[in-house]
Amino acid sequence: MEQNKRGGTNATRTILIAGIIAGTLDSVAASVVFYFKLDLSPAQVMQYIASALYGAEAFSGGAAMVIIGTLLHFMISFIIAGVYFYLFPVIKLLRERPVISGLLLGIAIWLFMNLVIIPFSKIQPTPFELSAVVISVIWHMVLVGLPISLITKRHFENARRLN
């Protein structure tokens, strides 16, 4: 298989792996937190994500909305992993401080989702709760940003070794 400067097919593989791992860890964390906080099932968490597009109808949409929510969730995860992957060789901080940049990525993801995406979606607003924000920010830092950062770092280290 032929590869381009960023790793070609290996780049796609790295982005997919980072997206799957981060997306899975994120959905497990959301499912656990929302189970204990609101008694929601993992399927209802995915319906909540689908409600970004379908509003309250998503909660009565059954399996179709669970699938749409899951696809939307992982699409976002792949986009984040891809953007980070392609910024990695360009931004020095990402290369030199992968742990810090991964944790900062998690904060950036949380901020972007909560200040940009959710307000412009059909998701019903929820009351502000500091404890919920702290838990959500920490899980995005550790379970989403950090894995994407470390998986991307490993890809570029392996690519450098092969050259």
Protein backbone atom coordinates (compact mmCIF):
# COMPACT_ATOMS: atom_id res chain seq x y z
CA MET A 1 0.00 0.00 0.00
CA GLU A 2 1.27 3.42 -0.91
CA GLN A 3 1.41 6.13 1.74
CA ASN A 4 1.46 9.91 1.63
CA LYS A 5 3.56 12.19 3.88
CA ARG A 6 1.15 11.84 6.83
CA GLY A 7 0.95 8.06 6.62
CA GLY A 8 -1.74 7.56 3.96
CA THR A 9 -3.88 4.56 4.82
CA ASN A 10 -2.17 4.42 8.21
CA ALA A 11 -3.47 7.95 8.81
CA THR A 12 -7.03 6.80 8.17
CA ARG A 13 -6.48 3.78 10.40
CA THR A 14 -5.10 5.96 13.21
CA ILE A 15 -8.00 8.41 12.97
CA LEU A 16 -10.50 5.53 13.00
CA ILE A 17 -8.85 3.87 16.01
CA ALA A 18 -8.62 7.16 17.93
CA GLY A 19 -12.23 7.98 17.08
CA ILE A 20 -13.53 4.55 18.05
CA ILE A 21 -11.63 4.48 21.35
CA ALA A 22 -12.49 8.06 22.34
CA GLY A 23 -16.10 7.69 21.17
CA THR A 24 -16.54 4.44 23.06
CA LEU A 25 -14.99 5.76 26.27
CA ASP A 26 -17.11 8.92 25.98
CA SER A 27 -20.35 7.01 25.46
CA VAL A 28 -19.57 4.63 28.35
CA ALA A 29 -18.83 7.60 30.64
CA ALA A 30 -22.01 9.37 29.56
CA SER A 31 -24.05 6.21 30.05
CA VAL A 32 -22.67 5.63 33.56
CA VAL A 33 -23.06 9.26 34.66
CA PHE A 34 -26.56 9.64 33.23
CA TYR A 35 -27.64 6.29 34.61
CA PHE A 36 -26.73 7.34 38.15
CA LYS A 37 -27.84 10.94 37.74
CA LEU A 38 -31.06 10.59 35.72
CA ASP A 39 -31.68 6.82 35.56
CA LEU A 40 -31.15 6.84 31.77
CA SER A 41 -30.19 3.74 29.83
CA PRO A 42 -27.35 3.80 27.25
CA ALA A 43 -30.04 3.73 24.52
CA GLN A 44 -31.65 6.84 26.00
CA VAL A 45 -28.26 8.57 26.03
CA MET A 46 -27.97 7.90 22.29
CA GLN A 47 -31.53 9.18 21.79
CA TYR A 48 -30.47 12.32 23.64
CA ILE A 49 -27.68 12.78 21.10
CA ALA A 50 -30.17 12.19 18.26
CA SER A 51 -32.35 14.89 19.81
CA ALA A 52 -29.77 17.40 18.57
CA LEU A 53 -31.29 16.83 15.12
CA TYR A 54 -34.81 15.62 15.93
CA GLY A 55 -35.68 17.38 19.18
CA ALA A 56 -38.01 15.68 21.66
CA GLU A 57 -39.22 13.29 18.91
CA ALA A 58 -35.93 11.39 19.30
CA PHE A 59 -37.05 9.99 22.66
CA SER A 60 -40.05 8.25 21.12
CA GLY A 61 -38.22 7.18 17.96
CA GLY A 62 -37.06 3.80 19.25
CA ALA A 63 -34.13 1.90 17.79
CA ALA A 64 -33.85 4.19 14.77
CA MET A 65 -33.03 7.15 17.01
CA VAL A 66 -30.58 5.07 19.05
CA ILE A 67 -28.77 4.22 15.81
CA ILE A 68 -28.85 7.83 14.58
CA GLY A 69 -27.54 9.06 17.94
CA THR A 70 -24.77 6.47 17.89
CA LEU A 71 -23.77 7.35 14.32
CA LEU A 72 -23.83 11.07 15.11
CA HIS A 73 -21.76 10.51 18.25
CA PHE A 74 -19.06 8.54 16.42
CA MET A 75 -19.07 10.92 13.44
CA ILE A 76 -18.21 13.74 15.85
CA SER A 77 -15.52 11.59 17.45
CA PHE A 78 -13.95 10.80 14.04
CA ILE A 79 -14.01 14.48 13.04
CA ILE A 80 -12.28 15.51 16.28
CA ALA A 81 -9.67 12.76 15.87
CA GLY A 82 -9.10 13.78 12.24
CA VAL A 83 -8.73 17.48 13.00
CA TYR A 84 -6.30 16.75 15.83
CA PHE A 85 -4.36 14.30 13.66
CA TYR A 86 -3.84 16.84 10.87
CA LEU A 87 -2.97 19.64 13.30
CA PHE A 88 -0.43 17.48 15.16
CA PRO A 89 2.49 18.03 12.74
CA VAL A 90 1.65 21.73 12.42
CA ILE A 91 1.32 22.81 16.07
CA LYS A 92 4.47 22.41 18.14
CA LEU A 93 2.65 22.14 21.50
CA LEU A 94 0.76 19.06 20.31
CA ARG A 95 4.03 17.28 19.50
CA GLU A 96 6.04 18.44 22.51
CA ARG A 97 3.37 18.11 25.21
CA PRO A 98 0.96 15.37 24.14
CA VAL A 99 -0.49 14.80 27.62
CA ILE A 100 -1.13 18.49 28.24
CA SER A 101 -2.45 19.02 24.71
CA GLY A 102 -4.72 15.98 25.06
CA LEU A 103 -6.16 17.29 28.31
CA LEU A 104 -6.61 20.73 26.73
CA LEU A 105 -8.28 19.06 23.74
CA GLY A 106 -10.81 17.54 26.13
CA ILE A 107 -11.59 20.97 27.58
CA ALA A 108 -11.88 22.44 24.06
CA ILE A 109 -14.24 19.63 23.02
CA TRP A 110 -16.46 20.21 26.04
CA LEU A 111 -16.51 23.98 25.46
CA PHE A 112 -17.25 23.67 21.74
CA MET A 113 -20.02 21.11 22.27
CA ASN A 114 -21.66 23.05 25.11
CA LEU A 115 -21.20 26.62 23.88
CA VAL A 116 -21.57 26.14 20.12
CA ILE A 117 -23.10 22.82 19.05
CA ILE A 118 -25.75 22.23 21.73
CA PRO A 119 -27.12 25.80 21.75
CA PHE A 120 -27.62 25.63 17.97
CA SER A 121 -29.18 22.15 18.08
CA LYS A 122 -32.66 20.99 19.04
CA ILE A 123 -31.46 19.62 22.40
CA GLN A 124 -33.58 20.96 25.23
CA PRO A 125 -31.57 23.22 27.56
CA THR A 126 -30.80 21.83 31.00
CA PRO A 127 -30.18 23.77 34.21
CA PHE A 128 -26.55 24.59 35.01
CA GLU A 129 -25.05 22.30 37.65
CA LEU A 130 -21.43 22.87 38.60
CA SER A 131 -20.85 19.25 39.68
CA ALA A 132 -22.16 17.98 36.33
CA VAL A 133 -19.90 20.40 34.45
CA VAL A 134 -16.82 19.34 36.44
CA ILE A 135 -17.53 15.63 35.89
CA SER A 136 -18.19 16.14 32.17
CA VAL A 137 -15.09 18.28 31.61
CA ILE A 138 -12.87 15.75 33.42
CA TRP A 139 -14.24 12.79 31.45
CA HIS A 140 -13.73 14.68 28.17
CA MET A 141 -10.16 15.50 29.19
CA VAL A 142 -9.17 12.00 30.30
CA LEU A 143 -11.38 9.74 28.17
CA VAL A 144 -11.62 11.70 24.91
CA GLY A 145 -8.83 14.25 24.49
CA LEU A 146 -6.03 12.22 26.05
CA PRO A 147 -6.59 9.01 24.04
CA ILE A 148 -6.81 10.96 20.77
CA SER A 149 -3.59 12.79 21.60
CA LEU A 150 -1.63 9.70 22.65
CA ILE A 151 -2.82 7.56 19.74
CA THR A 152 -1.89 10.34 17.31
CA LYS A 153 1.53 10.77 18.97
CA ARG A 154 2.20 7.05 18.64
CA HIS A 155 1.30 7.14 14.94
CA PHE A 156 3.81 9.90 14.22
CA GLU A 157 6.52 8.28 16.35
CA ASN A 158 6.06 5.01 14.44
CA ALA A 159 6.07 6.83 11.10
CA ARG A 160 9.30 8.64 12.06
CA ARG A 161 10.95 5.33 13.02
CA LEU A 162 10.04 3.81 9.66
CA ASN A 163 11.59 6.70 7.71
